[in-house]
Protein backbone atom coordinates (compact mmCIF):
# COMPACT_ATOMS: atom_id res chain seq x y z
CA MET A 1 109.28 115.79 109.01
CA ASN A 2 112.72 116.65 107.68
CA VAL A 3 115.69 114.29 107.88
CA LYS A 4 117.72 116.27 110.41
CA ARG A 5 114.85 116.53 112.93
CA SER A 6 113.89 112.91 112.41
CA LEU A 7 117.43 111.74 113.23
CA GLU A 8 117.64 114.10 116.25
CA LEU A 9 114.51 112.51 117.71
CA LEU A 10 116.08 109.07 117.24
CA GLY A 11 119.26 110.00 119.11
CA ASP A 12 122.86 109.07 118.32
CA ASP A 13 122.95 105.32 118.87
CA TYR A 14 121.28 104.00 115.71
CA THR A 15 122.26 101.50 113.04
CA VAL A 16 122.14 102.45 109.35
CA ILE A 17 121.16 99.67 106.92
CA ASP A 18 121.55 100.10 103.16
CA GLY A 19 118.45 98.52 101.58
CA GLU A 20 119.91 98.27 98.09
CA GLY A 21 119.82 94.70 96.79
CA HIS A 22 117.91 93.24 99.76
CA ILE A 23 114.73 91.14 99.61
CA LEU A 24 111.73 93.01 101.08
CA GLY A 25 110.34 90.28 103.34
CA ARG A 26 113.67 88.98 104.60
CA LEU A 27 115.00 92.46 105.40
CA SER A 28 111.70 93.41 107.07
CA SER A 29 111.74 90.40 109.36
CA VAL A 30 115.34 91.03 110.45
CA VAL A 31 114.61 94.72 111.07
CA ALA A 32 111.39 93.91 113.00
CA LYS A 33 113.20 91.46 115.27
CA ARG A 34 115.99 93.95 115.99
CA LEU A 35 113.46 96.72 116.68
CA LEU A 36 111.70 94.49 119.24
CA ASN A 37 115.08 93.95 120.91
CA GLY A 38 115.29 97.72 121.46
CA GLU A 39 117.59 98.71 118.60
CA LYS A 40 117.14 101.98 116.69
CA ILE A 41 117.40 101.47 112.93
CA VAL A 42 117.60 103.75 109.90
CA VAL A 43 117.08 102.17 106.46
CA VAL A 44 118.30 104.07 103.39
CA ASN A 45 117.81 103.35 99.65
CA ALA A 46 114.32 101.98 100.27
CA GLU A 47 113.44 102.35 96.59
CA LYS A 48 116.10 99.77 95.67
CA ILE A 49 114.75 96.99 97.91
CA MET A 50 113.68 94.02 95.77
CA ILE A 51 110.45 92.04 95.76
CA THR A 52 110.93 88.50 94.49
CA GLY A 53 108.66 86.72 92.06
CA ASP A 54 107.00 87.18 88.70
CA ARG A 55 106.71 90.86 87.71
CA GLU A 56 103.05 90.78 86.62
CA GLU A 57 102.00 88.81 89.70
CA ILE A 58 103.73 91.26 92.06
CA LEU A 59 102.16 94.29 90.38
CA ARG A 60 98.71 92.69 90.38
CA ARG A 61 98.97 91.79 94.07
CA TYR A 62 100.08 95.27 95.15
CA LYS A 63 97.46 96.97 92.95
CA GLU A 64 94.81 94.78 94.59
CA LYS A 65 96.01 95.87 98.06
CA TYR A 66 96.03 99.52 97.01
CA ASP A 67 92.51 99.40 95.50
CA ARG A 68 90.97 97.62 98.50
CA GLY A 69 88.65 99.73 100.66
CA SER A 70 87.63 103.32 100.02
CA LYS A 71 89.47 106.63 99.97
CA ASP A 72 87.44 107.91 102.93
CA TYR A 73 87.42 104.93 105.26
CA GLY A 74 90.38 102.76 104.25
CA PRO A 75 92.19 100.51 104.63
CA HIS A 76 94.81 102.84 103.19
CA PHE A 77 97.81 101.23 101.50
CA PRO A 78 100.87 103.42 100.80
CA ARG A 79 102.33 104.24 97.37
CA HIS A 80 105.71 105.61 98.47
CA PRO A 81 108.55 103.04 98.56
CA GLU A 82 109.70 104.01 102.07
CA ARG A 83 106.14 103.81 103.38
CA ILE A 84 105.56 100.40 101.77
CA PHE A 85 108.69 99.12 103.53
CA LYS A 86 107.63 100.62 106.86
CA ARG A 87 104.15 99.07 106.46
CA THR A 88 105.76 95.68 105.78
CA VAL A 89 107.81 95.96 108.98
CA ARG A 90 104.70 97.10 110.88
CA GLY A 91 102.93 93.91 109.80
CA MET A 92 105.66 91.90 111.53
CA LEU A 93 105.35 93.81 114.81
CA PRO A 94 102.61 93.70 117.44
CA HIS A 95 101.81 97.31 116.47
CA LYS A 96 98.61 97.46 118.53
CA GLU A 97 100.54 96.84 121.75
CA SER A 98 102.80 99.38 123.45
CA ARG A 99 106.03 97.46 122.79
CA GLY A 100 105.20 97.22 119.07
CA ARG A 101 104.37 100.93 118.85
CA THR A 102 107.61 101.79 120.64
CA ALA A 103 109.57 99.53 118.28
CA LEU A 104 107.99 101.16 115.22
CA LYS A 105 108.89 104.63 116.53
CA ASN A 106 112.55 103.54 116.51
CA LEU A 107 112.49 102.96 112.73
CA ARG A 108 113.29 105.60 110.10
CA VAL A 109 113.18 104.83 106.38
CA PHE A 110 114.49 107.09 103.60
CA ILE A 111 114.56 107.12 99.81
CA SER A 112 118.21 107.31 98.64
CA VAL A 113 120.88 108.36 101.14
CA PRO A 114 120.24 111.69 102.93
CA GLU A 115 123.14 114.14 103.16
CA GLU A 116 123.29 113.69 106.96
CA LEU A 117 124.00 109.95 106.58
CA ARG A 118 126.51 109.94 103.70
CA ASP A 119 129.55 109.58 105.99
CA ARG A 120 128.00 106.91 108.26
CA GLU A 121 128.98 103.26 107.95
CA MET A 122 126.14 101.23 106.40
CA GLU A 123 125.34 97.65 107.21
CA LYS A 124 124.24 94.93 104.79
CA ILE A 125 122.19 91.97 106.03
CA SER A 126 123.77 88.91 104.39
CA SER A 127 120.76 86.64 105.04
CA ALA A 128 118.51 89.06 103.10
CA LEU A 129 120.58 89.80 99.99
CA PHE A 130 118.76 89.27 96.67
CA GLU A 131 121.75 87.98 94.68
CA GLU A 132 122.60 85.29 97.23
CA LYS A 133 119.06 84.02 97.83
CA VAL A 134 117.28 84.18 94.46
CA ARG A 135 118.63 81.86 91.79
CA SER A 136 116.08 82.67 89.10
CA GLY A 137 116.80 86.40 89.33
CA LYS A 138 113.07 87.15 89.18
CA GLY A 139 112.06 90.25 91.06
CA ILE A 140 111.47 93.97 90.76
CA PRO A 141 112.56 96.97 92.85
CA LEU A 142 110.12 98.69 95.20
CA LEU A 143 110.35 101.89 93.13
CA GLU A 144 108.82 100.13 90.12
CA VAL A 145 105.89 98.91 92.23
CA SER A 146 105.42 102.43 93.63
CA ARG A 147 105.37 103.98 90.17
CA TYR A 148 102.80 101.40 89.06
CA LEU A 149 100.60 102.46 92.00
CA GLY A 150 100.87 106.12 90.97
CA TYR A 151 103.84 107.40 92.95
CA GLU A 152 105.71 110.22 91.22
CA VAL A 153 109.33 110.91 92.08
CA ARG A 154 109.79 114.52 93.17
CA ALA A 155 112.96 116.21 91.98
C-alpha cells in the first residue's frame, strides 16, 4: 500500500512520532497504550529506532526468532525495520481481541520520512529517548538488525 493511500485511510487527526533515537521497547509501550486509548499514530524513521544491549547478544536473539519455525507454517518473524517495530507494538496489544485489532489498524510505520509528512510537526517521546535512558551507550539501530536478518534496502 502506498503512503498517500495509507494516510487517507487513517484520516486527518493523527499524531506523527519521529522514531530516531528512541528505545524500541519504551517507544512501543507508549505507542501501544496511546493506540488503546483510541489515538491514531504514524511513526517515521523506524530504521533509526535503537535496541539497547550488547550488539552480539541482540543479533543472536533476533536471528533465533527469525529462524524459529518453518517457511511454510511459521511463526513468521519480519526482517523489515518498520515491520519489526509494528510486531513489537502488536505484542503489547491484545491483538486477538477486537479492541486490539482496531488499535493496530490505527498504526502506520514508515522507513525514513515520506514526502507527504515532511511538513508535519513530529513528536519525540522524552521517556523513550536513548541518550537520556542508556548510560553505557550500548545499543544498535533497527536497520542493522534488519540487515543482519537479510533485509536489503531498496533504492
